[in-house]
Amino acid sequence: MTDDVLAYVLMRIKLGFTDQVLERLREIDEAVRIAVTTGEYDVVILLEVRNLEALYDITVNRIHKIEGIEETTTAVVEKMIST
């Protein structure tokens, strides 16, 4: 088990920007998974970072600056349960 921080970033994307946003998100090395979803959020990304400061850096200085992202919600994983 790792001591790294896992977090989901849920995003609402402007119409017509999904592919452009996905290209930019794929450049983030800490991205474990990227999913295009239906429902309230358009894209969900799972990040694995070494600490909360690194999470802050990625969300504020990288993700929030991607053109086409209207809104984000970040959920830090407190406990991961294997099935």
C-alpha atoms as a PDB file:
ATOM      1  CA  MET A   1       0.000   0.000   0.000  1.00  0.00           C
ATOM      2  CA  THR A   2       1.244   3.466  -0.870  1.00  0.00           C
ATOM      3  CA  ASP A   3       1.141   6.592   1.288  1.00  0.00           C
ATOM      4  CA  ASP A   4       0.406   8.726  -1.745  1.00  0.00           C
ATOM      5  CA  VAL A   5      -2.740  10.832  -1.864  1.00  0.00           C
ATOM      6  CA  LEU A   6      -5.490   9.768  -4.268  1.00  0.00           C
ATOM      7  CA  ALA A   7      -8.090  12.265  -5.443  1.00  0.00           C
ATOM      8  CA  TYR A   8     -10.876  12.374  -7.982  1.00  0.00           C
ATOM      9  CA  VAL A   9     -11.333  15.613  -9.888  1.00  0.00           C
ATOM     10  CA  LEU A  10     -14.809  15.864 -11.406  1.00  0.00           C
ATOM     11  CA  MET A  11     -15.206  18.363 -14.237  1.00  0.00           C
ATOM     12  CA  ARG A  12     -17.873  20.092 -16.229  1.00  0.00           C
ATOM     13  CA  ILE A  13     -16.667  20.828 -19.757  1.00  0.00           C
ATOM     14  CA  LYS A  14     -17.881  23.477 -22.215  1.00  0.00           C
ATOM     15  CA  LEU A  15     -19.655  22.036 -25.234  1.00  0.00           C
ATOM     16  CA  GLY A  16     -17.215  21.221 -28.005  1.00  0.00           C
ATOM     17  CA  PHE A  17     -14.103  21.193 -25.769  1.00  0.00           C
ATOM     18  CA  THR A  18     -14.036  17.573 -24.539  1.00  0.00           C
ATOM     19  CA  ASP A  19     -11.338  16.277 -26.901  1.00  0.00           C
ATOM     20  CA  GLN A  20      -9.148  19.338 -26.322  1.00  0.00           C
ATOM     21  CA  VAL A  21      -9.464  18.987 -22.534  1.00  0.00           C
ATOM     22  CA  LEU A  22      -8.686  15.252 -22.684  1.00  0.00           C
ATOM     23  CA  GLU A  23      -5.495  15.934 -24.645  1.00  0.00           C
ATOM     24  CA  ARG A  24      -4.284  18.326 -21.959  1.00  0.00           C
ATOM     25  CA  LEU A  25      -5.267  16.024 -19.079  1.00  0.00           C
ATOM     26  CA  ARG A  26      -3.299  13.159 -20.652  1.00  0.00           C
ATOM     27  CA  GLU A  27      -0.141  15.296 -20.216  1.00  0.00           C
ATOM     28  CA  ILE A  28      -0.466  15.045 -16.409  1.00  0.00           C
ATOM     29  CA  ASP A  29       1.853  12.253 -15.247  1.00  0.00           C
ATOM     30  CA  GLU A  30      -0.026  11.850 -11.957  1.00  0.00           C
ATOM     31  CA  ALA A  31      -3.244  10.935 -13.777  1.00  0.00           C
ATOM     32  CA  VAL A  32      -4.032   7.287 -13.033  1.00  0.00           C
ATOM     33  CA  ARG A  33      -7.319   7.178 -14.977  1.00  0.00           C
ATOM     34  CA  ILE A  34      -9.357   9.611 -17.061  1.00  0.00           C
ATOM     35  CA  ALA A  35     -13.014   8.860 -17.770  1.00  0.00           C
ATOM     36  CA  VAL A  36     -15.589  10.598 -19.943  1.00  0.00           C
ATOM     37  CA  THR A  37     -18.881  10.206 -18.105  1.00  0.00           C
ATOM     38  CA  THR A  38     -22.585  10.900 -18.391  1.00  0.00           C
ATOM     39  CA  GLY A  39     -24.585  12.792 -15.830  1.00  0.00           C
ATOM     40  CA  GLU A  40     -23.641  15.804 -13.761  1.00  0.00           C
ATOM     41  CA  TYR A  41     -19.933  15.678 -14.650  1.00  0.00           C
ATOM     42  CA  ASP A  42     -18.419  15.250 -18.103  1.00  0.00           C
ATOM     43  CA  VAL A  43     -14.922  14.075 -17.173  1.00  0.00           C
ATOM     44  CA  VAL A  44     -13.516  12.444 -14.044  1.00  0.00           C
ATOM     45  CA  ILE A  45      -9.791  12.065 -13.459  1.00  0.00           C
ATOM     46  CA  LEU A  46      -8.111  10.022 -10.734  1.00  0.00           C
ATOM     47  CA  LEU A  47      -4.846  11.538  -9.545  1.00  0.00           C
ATOM     48  CA  GLU A  48      -2.139   9.914  -7.441  1.00  0.00           C
ATOM     49  CA  VAL A  49       0.171  12.486  -5.845  1.00  0.00           C
ATOM     50  CA  ARG A  50       2.768  12.414  -3.086  1.00  0.00           C
ATOM     51  CA  ASN A  51       0.980  14.913  -0.802  1.00  0.00           C
ATOM     52  CA  LEU A  52      -1.770  17.531  -0.607  1.00  0.00           C
ATOM     53  CA  GLU A  53       0.572  20.301  -1.712  1.00  0.00           C
ATOM     54  CA  ALA A  54       1.232  18.416  -4.955  1.00  0.00           C
ATOM     55  CA  LEU A  55      -2.528  17.955  -5.410  1.00  0.00           C
ATOM     56  CA  TYR A  56      -3.015  21.692  -4.951  1.00  0.00           C
ATOM     57  CA  ASP A  57      -0.317  22.424  -7.507  1.00  0.00           C
ATOM     58  CA  ILE A  58      -1.859  20.150 -10.134  1.00  0.00           C
ATOM     59  CA  THR A  59      -5.436  21.316  -9.638  1.00  0.00           C
ATOM     60  CA  VAL A  60      -4.756  25.049  -9.355  1.00  0.00           C
ATOM     61  CA  ASN A  61      -1.778  25.488 -11.657  1.00  0.00           C
ATOM     62  CA  ARG A  62      -2.548  22.886 -14.311  1.00  0.00           C
ATOM     63  CA  ILE A  63      -6.148  21.665 -14.423  1.00  0.00           C
ATOM     64  CA  HIS A  64      -7.815  25.004 -13.655  1.00  0.00           C
ATOM     65  CA  LYS A  65      -5.852  26.627 -16.484  1.00  0.00           C
ATOM     66  CA  ILE A  66      -7.105  24.238 -19.180  1.00  0.00           C
ATOM     67  CA  GLU A  67      -9.375  26.052 -21.619  1.00  0.00           C
ATOM     68  CA  GLY A  68     -12.807  24.471 -21.805  1.00  0.00           C
ATOM     69  CA  ILE A  69     -13.150  23.393 -18.188  1.00  0.00           C
ATOM     70  CA  GLU A  70     -16.083  25.271 -16.659  1.00  0.00           C
ATOM     71  CA  GLU A  71     -16.042  23.885 -13.130  1.00  0.00           C
ATOM     72  CA  THR A  72     -14.234  21.302 -11.002  1.00  0.00           C
ATOM     73  CA  THR A  73     -14.930  19.457  -7.777  1.00  0.00           C
ATOM     74  CA  THR A  74     -12.097  17.624  -6.047  1.00  0.00           C
ATOM     75  CA  ALA A  75     -12.710  14.661  -3.755  1.00  0.00           C
ATOM     76  CA  VAL A  76      -9.725  13.370  -1.777  1.00  0.00           C
ATOM     77  CA  VAL A  77      -9.870   9.623  -1.112  1.00  0.00           C
ATOM     78  CA  GLU A  78      -9.829   8.955   2.630  1.00  0.00           C
ATOM     79  CA  LYS A  79      -9.906   5.169   2.343  1.00  0.00           C
ATOM     80  CA  MET A  80      -9.698   2.867  -0.663  1.00  0.00           C
ATOM     81  CA  ILE A  81     -11.378  -0.528  -0.327  1.00  0.00           C
ATOM     82  CA  SER A  82     -10.353  -3.435  -2.525  1.00  0.00           C
ATOM     83  CA  THR A  83     -13.002  -5.887  -3.666  1.00  0.00           C
END
